[in-house]
Amino acid sequence: MHNLNAALDLPETPMLRFAGHSFEPLASGALYWRARETLLVADLHFEKMASFARRGSLLPPYDTGLTLSRLEADLRRTGARRLLSLGDSFHRADASGLLTPADRMRLDALTDAVECIWLSGNHDPAPHAIGGLCRPGLELDGLIFAHEPEKGAKNRISGHLHPAARIAMPGRSTRKPCFVHDNRLMILPAYGSSTGAINILSAPFIGLFHWPALEVVMLGRDRTYPVPVRRLVGG
């Protein structure tokens, strides 16, 4: 990914302009709204591996700790005073009860340090037994924040679909999670360490976006990359 700019003649790290507001897309998959000192994340899926383990799957339950480390680093880096999580913060409605004591202490420290707003998702529709405010959605400065995207949406920022972009380059291709918007609807990539991703050219995204206005920003190792829509390929 470090040669992606040269291969595709891409500009420097972008700022996203959406519905009259400026956002900084981070390589972690978070979106920093500097004017509101707010860090936006989607689909943390805390305790996903622990939920699988309860059903008998032998998977290492370290995903929550890794996601928390990423979140702590982003909050330090940006100096954000508010965390806004766009739903599916936990993988199950009761998953906050599965937290290890160490992870619960870290999450409690985080909710004590910054204002936290947890929006409802399809995986966690009920309020969590953690600090912060749980809400079904939020409207702020003319923007609508909700877990699931909607066709015909206006000024809406969501998660849920775990978007990814695959781009073709001479002799190879690369596929990474991405931010995607058309200045009416923005979808954030999944932030959780154990989450997958879905190509934005696939069926779940059909009809959501006005393609002539589409802007795609792909996650790299240390930074983000705006990518031309003409380079997008399926798969």
C-alpha atoms as a PDB file:
ATOM      1  CA  MET A   1       0.000   0.000   0.000  1.00  0.00           C
ATOM      2  CA  HIS A   2       2.903   2.434   0.512  1.00  0.00           C
ATOM      3  CA  ASN A   3       3.386   2.600  -3.296  1.00  0.00           C
ATOM      4  CA  LEU A   4      -0.302   3.090  -4.046  1.00  0.00           C
ATOM      5  CA  ASN A   5      -0.030   6.841  -4.612  1.00  0.00           C
ATOM      6  CA  ALA A   6       2.737   6.428  -7.147  1.00  0.00           C
ATOM      7  CA  ALA A   7       1.007   3.535  -8.915  1.00  0.00           C
ATOM      8  CA  LEU A   8      -2.272   5.392  -9.348  1.00  0.00           C
ATOM      9  CA  ASP A   9      -1.048   9.014  -9.300  1.00  0.00           C
ATOM     10  CA  LEU A  10      -3.164   9.762  -6.214  1.00  0.00           C
ATOM     11  CA  PRO A  11      -3.223  13.005  -4.198  1.00  0.00           C
ATOM     12  CA  GLU A  12      -2.015  13.372  -0.633  1.00  0.00           C
ATOM     13  CA  THR A  13      -4.023  12.268   2.415  1.00  0.00           C
ATOM     14  CA  PRO A  14      -7.545  13.635   1.901  1.00  0.00           C
ATOM     15  CA  MET A  15      -9.965  15.581   4.001  1.00  0.00           C
ATOM     16  CA  LEU A  16     -13.533  14.481   3.426  1.00  0.00           C
ATOM     17  CA  ARG A  17     -16.064  17.219   2.747  1.00  0.00           C
ATOM     18  CA  PHE A  18     -19.568  15.971   3.434  1.00  0.00           C
ATOM     19  CA  ALA A  19     -22.792  17.987   3.650  1.00  0.00           C
ATOM     20  CA  GLY A  20     -20.850  21.177   4.352  1.00  0.00           C
ATOM     21  CA  HIS A  21     -18.636  19.656   7.067  1.00  0.00           C
ATOM     22  CA  SER A  22     -14.966  18.607   7.067  1.00  0.00           C
ATOM     23  CA  PHE A  23     -13.765  15.263   8.397  1.00  0.00           C
ATOM     24  CA  GLU A  24     -10.366  13.596   8.678  1.00  0.00           C
ATOM     25  CA  PRO A  25     -10.428   9.912   7.655  1.00  0.00           C
ATOM     26  CA  LEU A  26      -7.928   7.932   9.729  1.00  0.00           C
ATOM     27  CA  ALA A  27      -6.075   4.798   8.663  1.00  0.00           C
ATOM     28  CA  SER A  28      -7.667   2.954  11.594  1.00  0.00           C
ATOM     29  CA  GLY A  29     -11.132   3.394  10.070  1.00  0.00           C
ATOM     30  CA  ALA A  30     -12.186   6.198  12.432  1.00  0.00           C
ATOM     31  CA  LEU A  31     -13.389   9.574  11.208  1.00  0.00           C
ATOM     32  CA  TYR A  32     -12.361  12.698  13.125  1.00  0.00           C
ATOM     33  CA  TRP A  33     -14.752  15.651  13.146  1.00  0.00           C
ATOM     34  CA  ARG A  34     -12.419  18.393  14.367  1.00  0.00           C
ATOM     35  CA  ALA A  35     -15.053  21.136  14.541  1.00  0.00           C
ATOM     36  CA  ARG A  36     -16.943  19.057  17.104  1.00  0.00           C
ATOM     37  CA  GLU A  37     -13.883  17.357  18.686  1.00  0.00           C
ATOM     38  CA  THR A  38     -15.663  14.090  17.952  1.00  0.00           C
ATOM     39  CA  LEU A  39     -14.224  10.739  16.921  1.00  0.00           C
ATOM     40  CA  LEU A  40     -16.669   8.673  14.844  1.00  0.00           C
ATOM     41  CA  VAL A  41     -16.378   4.890  14.640  1.00  0.00           C
ATOM     42  CA  ALA A  42     -18.663   2.135  13.365  1.00  0.00           C
ATOM     43  CA  ASP A  43     -19.026  -1.577  14.020  1.00  0.00           C
ATOM     44  CA  LEU A  44     -16.599  -2.161  16.875  1.00  0.00           C
ATOM     45  CA  HIS A  45     -18.168  -5.577  17.543  1.00  0.00           C
ATOM     46  CA  PHE A  46     -16.631  -5.849  20.994  1.00  0.00           C
ATOM     47  CA  GLU A  47     -16.599  -9.444  22.291  1.00  0.00           C
ATOM     48  CA  LYS A  48     -17.252 -11.023  18.895  1.00  0.00           C
ATOM     49  CA  MET A  49     -14.746 -13.809  19.518  1.00  0.00           C
ATOM     50  CA  ALA A  50     -16.018 -14.333  23.074  1.00  0.00           C
ATOM     51  CA  SER A  51     -19.539 -14.696  21.673  1.00  0.00           C
ATOM     52  CA  PHE A  52     -18.312 -17.356  19.250  1.00  0.00           C
ATOM     53  CA  ALA A  53     -16.486 -19.116  22.085  1.00  0.00           C
ATOM     54  CA  ARG A  54     -19.737 -19.406  24.048  1.00  0.00           C
ATOM     55  CA  ARG A  55     -21.153 -21.341  21.095  1.00  0.00           C
ATOM     56  CA  GLY A  56     -18.203 -23.753  21.110  1.00  0.00           C
ATOM     57  CA  SER A  57     -15.859 -22.157  18.556  1.00  0.00           C
ATOM     58  CA  LEU A  58     -12.217 -22.328  19.589  1.00  0.00           C
ATOM     59  CA  LEU A  59     -11.150 -18.790  18.669  1.00  0.00           C
ATOM     60  CA  PRO A  60      -8.687 -16.543  20.549  1.00  0.00           C
ATOM     61  CA  PRO A  61     -10.736 -13.939  22.467  1.00  0.00           C
ATOM     62  CA  TYR A  62      -8.338 -11.024  21.984  1.00  0.00           C
ATOM     63  CA  ASP A  63     -10.328  -8.895  19.548  1.00  0.00           C
ATOM     64  CA  THR A  64     -11.781  -6.537  22.169  1.00  0.00           C
ATOM     65  CA  GLY A  65      -8.351  -5.701  23.578  1.00  0.00           C
ATOM     66  CA  LEU A  66      -6.968  -5.001  20.100  1.00  0.00           C
ATOM     67  CA  THR A  67      -9.917  -2.784  19.222  1.00  0.00           C
ATOM     68  CA  LEU A  68      -9.598  -0.903  22.512  1.00  0.00           C
ATOM     69  CA  SER A  69      -5.895  -0.286  21.835  1.00  0.00           C
ATOM     70  CA  ARG A  70      -6.754   1.189  18.446  1.00  0.00           C
ATOM     71  CA  LEU A  71      -9.476   3.343  19.985  1.00  0.00           C
ATOM     72  CA  GLU A  72      -7.240   4.601  22.801  1.00  0.00           C
ATOM     73  CA  ALA A  73      -4.543   5.530  20.279  1.00  0.00           C
ATOM     74  CA  ASP A  74      -6.984   7.454  18.089  1.00  0.00           C
ATOM     75  CA  LEU A  75      -8.392   9.373  21.051  1.00  0.00           C
ATOM     76  CA  ARG A  76      -4.869  10.322  22.158  1.00  0.00           C
ATOM     77  CA  ARG A  77      -3.805  11.321  18.664  1.00  0.00           C
ATOM     78  CA  THR A  78      -6.812  13.482  17.897  1.00  0.00           C
ATOM     79  CA  GLY A  79      -7.494  14.842  21.372  1.00  0.00           C
ATOM     80  CA  ALA A  80     -11.187  14.140  20.799  1.00  0.00           C
ATOM     81  CA  ARG A  81     -13.523  15.016  23.668  1.00  0.00           C
ATOM     82  CA  ARG A  82     -16.385  12.884  22.364  1.00  0.00           C
ATOM     83  CA  LEU A  83     -16.658   9.351  20.973  1.00  0.00           C
ATOM     84  CA  LEU A  84     -19.647   8.594  18.764  1.00  0.00           C
ATOM     85  CA  SER A  85     -20.072   4.903  17.928  1.00  0.00           C
ATOM     86  CA  LEU A  86     -22.507   4.250  15.069  1.00  0.00           C
ATOM     87  CA  GLY A  87     -23.943   0.957  16.287  1.00  0.00           C
ATOM     88  CA  ASP A  88     -22.847  -2.669  16.662  1.00  0.00           C
ATOM     89  CA  SER A  89     -20.439  -1.555  19.357  1.00  0.00           C
ATOM     90  CA  PHE A  90     -20.960  -5.021  20.868  1.00  0.00           C
ATOM     91  CA  HIS A  91     -21.433  -8.196  18.862  1.00  0.00           C
ATOM     92  CA  ARG A  92     -24.416  -9.276  20.993  1.00  0.00           C
ATOM     93  CA  ALA A  93     -26.962  -7.414  23.073  1.00  0.00           C
ATOM     94  CA  ASP A  94     -25.598  -9.031  26.266  1.00  0.00           C
ATOM     95  CA  ALA A  95     -21.923  -8.985  25.263  1.00  0.00           C
ATOM     96  CA  SER A  96     -20.936  -6.221  27.690  1.00  0.00           C
ATOM     97  CA  GLY A  97     -21.281  -8.934  30.357  1.00  0.00           C
ATOM     98  CA  LEU A  98     -18.609 -11.011  28.604  1.00  0.00           C
ATOM     99  CA  LEU A  99     -15.845  -8.403  28.993  1.00  0.00           C
ATOM    100  CA  THR A 100     -12.763  -9.584  30.867  1.00  0.00           C
ATOM    101  CA  PRO A 101     -11.995  -7.560  34.010  1.00  0.00           C
ATOM    102  CA  ALA A 102      -9.004  -5.974  32.266  1.00  0.00           C
ATOM    103  CA  ASP A 103     -11.003  -4.948  29.199  1.00  0.00           C
ATOM    104  CA  ARG A 104     -13.850  -3.667  31.367  1.00  0.00           C
ATOM    105  CA  MET A 105     -11.403  -1.474  33.287  1.00  0.00           C
ATOM    106  CA  ARG A 106     -10.027  -0.062  30.042  1.00  0.00           C
ATOM    107  CA  LEU A 107     -13.500   0.624  28.681  1.00  0.00           C
ATOM    108  CA  ASP A 108     -14.574   2.251  31.961  1.00  0.00           C
ATOM    109  CA  ALA A 109     -11.467   4.473  31.839  1.00  0.00           C
ATOM    110  CA  LEU A 110     -12.347   5.469  28.287  1.00  0.00           C
ATOM    111  CA  THR A 111     -15.952   6.345  29.126  1.00  0.00           C
ATOM    112  CA  ASP A 112     -14.725   8.371  32.113  1.00  0.00           C
ATOM    113  CA  ALA A 113     -12.215  10.289  29.975  1.00  0.00           C
ATOM    114  CA  VAL A 114     -14.469  11.361  27.079  1.00  0.00           C
ATOM    115  CA  GLU A 115     -18.166  11.776  26.403  1.00  0.00           C
ATOM    116  CA  CYS A 116     -19.370   8.536  24.805  1.00  0.00           C
ATOM    117  CA  ILE A 117     -22.506   8.105  22.717  1.00  0.00           C
ATOM    118  CA  TRP A 118     -23.379   4.546  21.678  1.00  0.00           C
ATOM    119  CA  LEU A 119     -25.978   4.259  18.918  1.00  0.00           C
ATOM    120  CA  SER A 120     -28.110   1.122  18.608  1.00  0.00           C
ATOM    121  CA  GLY A 121     -27.171  -1.439  15.974  1.00  0.00           C
ATOM    122  CA  ASN A 122     -28.735  -4.612  14.662  1.00  0.00           C
ATOM    123  CA  HIS A 123     -26.356  -6.653  16.864  1.00  0.00           C
ATOM    124  CA  ASP A 124     -26.860  -4.535  19.990  1.00  0.00           C
ATOM    125  CA  PRO A 125     -30.314  -2.906  19.899  1.00  0.00           C
ATOM    126  CA  ALA A 126     -30.588  -2.647  23.692  1.00  0.00           C
ATOM    127  CA  PRO A 127     -28.658  -0.224  25.938  1.00  0.00           C
ATOM    128  CA  HIS A 128     -25.246  -1.427  27.146  1.00  0.00           C
ATOM    129  CA  ALA A 129     -24.299  -1.844  30.800  1.00  0.00           C
ATOM    130  CA  ILE A 130     -21.367   0.549  30.364  1.00  0.00           C
ATOM    131  CA  GLY A 131     -20.760   4.262  30.770  1.00  0.00           C
ATOM    132  CA  GLY A 132     -21.979   6.824  28.288  1.00  0.00           C
ATOM    133  CA  LEU A 133     -25.281   7.518  26.580  1.00  0.00           C
ATOM    134  CA  CYS A 134     -27.121   4.897  24.497  1.00  0.00           C
ATOM    135  CA  ARG A 135     -29.419   6.229  21.777  1.00  0.00           C
ATOM    136  CA  PRO A 136     -31.184   4.851  18.670  1.00  0.00           C
ATOM    137  CA  GLY A 137     -29.806   7.722  16.573  1.00  0.00           C
ATOM    138  CA  LEU A 138     -28.501  11.265  16.742  1.00  0.00           C
ATOM    139  CA  GLU A 139     -28.978  14.507  14.805  1.00  0.00           C
ATOM    140  CA  LEU A 140     -26.275  17.138  15.147  1.00  0.00           C
ATOM    141  CA  ASP A 141     -25.419  20.213  13.055  1.00  0.00           C
ATOM    142  CA  GLY A 142     -27.740  19.122  10.262  1.00  0.00           C
ATOM    143  CA  LEU A 143     -26.241  15.614  10.094  1.00  0.00           C
ATOM    144  CA  ILE A 144     -28.100  12.402  10.890  1.00  0.00           C
ATOM    145  CA  PHE A 145     -26.139   9.598  12.543  1.00  0.00           C
ATOM    146  CA  ALA A 146     -27.666   6.113  12.529  1.00  0.00           C
ATOM    147  CA  HIS A 147     -26.388   2.568  12.268  1.00  0.00           C
ATOM    148  CA  GLU A 148     -27.967   1.438   8.999  1.00  0.00           C
ATOM    149  CA  PRO A 149     -27.803   3.377   5.724  1.00  0.00           C
ATOM    150  CA  GLU A 150     -31.000   4.169   3.860  1.00  0.00           C
ATOM    151  CA  LYS A 151     -31.789   4.637   0.177  1.00  0.00           C
ATOM    152  CA  GLY A 152     -32.599   8.247  -0.559  1.00  0.00           C
ATOM    153  CA  ALA A 153     -30.879   9.399   2.623  1.00  0.00           C
ATOM    154  CA  LYS A 154     -29.798  13.007   3.042  1.00  0.00           C
ATOM    155  CA  ASN A 155     -26.899  14.110   5.254  1.00  0.00           C
ATOM    156  CA  ARG A 156     -26.748  10.652   6.867  1.00  0.00           C
ATOM    157  CA  ILE A 157     -23.612   8.993   8.281  1.00  0.00           C
ATOM    158  CA  SER A 158     -23.847   5.259   8.983  1.00  0.00           C
ATOM    159  CA  GLY A 159     -21.962   2.000   9.329  1.00  0.00           C
ATOM    160  CA  HIS A 160     -23.399  -1.542   9.182  1.00  0.00           C
ATOM    161  CA  LEU A 161     -22.224  -2.629   5.701  1.00  0.00           C
ATOM    162  CA  HIS A 162     -18.454  -2.767   6.393  1.00  0.00           C
ATOM    163  CA  PRO A 163     -17.484  -1.217   3.017  1.00  0.00           C
ATOM    164  CA  ALA A 164     -14.340  -2.180   1.127  1.00  0.00           C
ATOM    165  CA  ALA A 165     -12.891  -1.125  -2.213  1.00  0.00           C
ATOM    166  CA  ARG A 166     -10.916  -3.240  -4.643  1.00  0.00           C
ATOM    167  CA  ILE A 167      -8.843  -1.342  -7.175  1.00  0.00           C
ATOM    168  CA  ALA A 168      -7.008  -2.527 -10.244  1.00  0.00           C
ATOM    169  CA  MET A 169      -3.413  -1.536 -10.943  1.00  0.00           C
ATOM    170  CA  PRO A 170      -1.051  -2.690 -13.676  1.00  0.00           C
ATOM    171  CA  GLY A 171      -0.423  -6.380 -13.008  1.00  0.00           C
ATOM    172  CA  ARG A 172      -2.181  -6.577  -9.663  1.00  0.00           C
ATOM    173  CA  SER A 173      -5.068  -5.383  -7.513  1.00  0.00           C
ATOM    174  CA  THR A 174      -5.551  -4.489  -3.871  1.00  0.00           C
ATOM    175  CA  ARG A 175      -8.603  -4.651  -1.605  1.00  0.00           C
ATOM    176  CA  LYS A 176      -9.007  -2.675   1.631  1.00  0.00           C
ATOM    177  CA  PRO A 177     -11.785  -1.284   3.809  1.00  0.00           C
ATOM    178  CA  CYS A 178     -12.892   2.189   2.789  1.00  0.00           C
ATOM    179  CA  PHE A 179     -14.964   5.263   3.496  1.00  0.00           C
ATOM    180  CA  VAL A 180     -17.553   5.929   0.800  1.00  0.00           C
ATOM    181  CA  HIS A 181     -19.979   8.813   0.277  1.00  0.00           C
ATOM    182  CA  ASP A 182     -21.904  10.741  -2.369  1.00  0.00           C
ATOM    183  CA  ASN A 183     -22.432  13.904  -0.280  1.00  0.00           C
ATOM    184  CA  ARG A 184     -25.840  12.594   0.813  1.00  0.00           C
ATOM    185  CA  LEU A 185     -24.909   9.305   2.481  1.00  0.00           C
ATOM    186  CA  MET A 186     -21.587   8.317   4.027  1.00  0.00           C
ATOM    187  CA  ILE A 187     -20.739   4.808   5.209  1.00  0.00           C
ATOM    188  CA  LEU A 188     -17.772   4.211   7.498  1.00  0.00           C
ATOM    189  CA  PRO A 189     -15.614   1.079   7.407  1.00  0.00           C
ATOM    190  CA  ALA A 190     -15.883  -1.392  10.249  1.00  0.00           C
ATOM    191  CA  TYR A 191     -13.510  -0.468  13.077  1.00  0.00           C
ATOM    192  CA  GLY A 192     -13.416  -3.715  15.044  1.00  0.00           C
ATOM    193  CA  SER A 193     -10.328  -5.904  14.798  1.00  0.00           C
ATOM    194  CA  SER A 194     -12.354  -9.049  14.008  1.00  0.00           C
ATOM    195  CA  THR A 195     -14.723  -7.602  11.392  1.00  0.00           C
ATOM    196  CA  GLY A 196     -14.825  -8.385   7.684  1.00  0.00           C
ATOM    197  CA  ALA A 197     -15.581  -6.120   4.726  1.00  0.00           C
ATOM    198  CA  ILE A 198     -17.897  -6.084   1.696  1.00  0.00           C
ATOM    199  CA  ASN A 199     -16.965  -4.738  -1.733  1.00  0.00           C
ATOM    200  CA  ILE A 200     -18.935  -1.564  -2.476  1.00  0.00           C
ATOM    201  CA  LEU A 201     -19.695  -2.920  -5.952  1.00  0.00           C
ATOM    202  CA  SER A 202     -21.623  -5.846  -4.457  1.00  0.00           C
ATOM    203  CA  ALA A 203     -25.378  -6.290  -4.006  1.00  0.00           C
ATOM    204  CA  PRO A 204     -25.836  -4.741  -0.510  1.00  0.00           C
ATOM    205  CA  PHE A 205     -24.755  -1.336  -1.877  1.00  0.00           C
ATOM    206  CA  ILE A 206     -26.968  -1.292  -4.995  1.00  0.00           C
ATOM    207  CA  GLY A 207     -29.167   1.795  -5.083  1.00  0.00           C
ATOM    208  CA  LEU A 208     -27.623   3.497  -2.061  1.00  0.00           C
ATOM    209  CA  PHE A 209     -25.356   5.969  -3.838  1.00  0.00           C
ATOM    210  CA  HIS A 210     -25.495   8.511  -6.664  1.00  0.00           C
ATOM    211  CA  TRP A 211     -22.453   7.197  -8.520  1.00  0.00           C
ATOM    212  CA  PRO A 212     -21.466  10.387 -10.420  1.00  0.00           C
ATOM    213  CA  ALA A 213     -20.858  12.045  -7.029  1.00  0.00           C
ATOM    214  CA  LEU A 214     -19.156   9.066  -5.382  1.00  0.00           C
ATOM    215  CA  GLU A 215     -15.983   9.580  -3.342  1.00  0.00           C
ATOM    216  CA  VAL A 216     -13.994   6.622  -2.031  1.00  0.00           C
ATOM    217  CA  VAL A 217     -11.136   6.755   0.484  1.00  0.00           C
ATOM    218  CA  MET A 218      -9.266   3.518   1.128  1.00  0.00           C
ATOM    219  CA  LEU A 219      -7.460   2.573   4.334  1.00  0.00           C
ATOM    220  CA  GLY A 220      -3.723   2.047   4.131  1.00  0.00           C
ATOM    221  CA  ARG A 221      -1.195   0.925   6.721  1.00  0.00           C
ATOM    222  CA  ASP A 222      -0.369   4.416   8.012  1.00  0.00           C
ATOM    223  CA  ARG A 223      -2.681   6.748   6.087  1.00  0.00           C
ATOM    224  CA  THR A 224      -5.717   6.892   3.831  1.00  0.00           C
ATOM    225  CA  TYR A 225      -5.891   7.113   0.043  1.00  0.00           C
ATOM    226  CA  PRO A 226      -8.538   8.669  -2.192  1.00  0.00           C
ATOM    227  CA  VAL A 227      -9.100   6.333  -5.127  1.00  0.00           C
ATOM    228  CA  PRO A 228     -10.670   7.056  -8.541  1.00  0.00           C
ATOM    229  CA  VAL A 229     -14.052   5.399  -8.982  1.00  0.00           C
ATOM    230  CA  ARG A 230     -13.001   4.259 -12.476  1.00  0.00           C
ATOM    231  CA  ARG A 231     -10.372   2.011 -10.837  1.00  0.00           C
ATOM    232  CA  LEU A 232     -12.907   0.064  -8.760  1.00  0.00           C
ATOM    233  CA  VAL A 233     -13.379  -3.604  -9.597  1.00  0.00           C
ATOM    234  CA  GLY A 234     -15.526  -6.358  -8.136  1.00  0.00           C
ATOM    235  CA  GLY A 235     -14.356  -9.209  -5.955  1.00  0.00           C
END
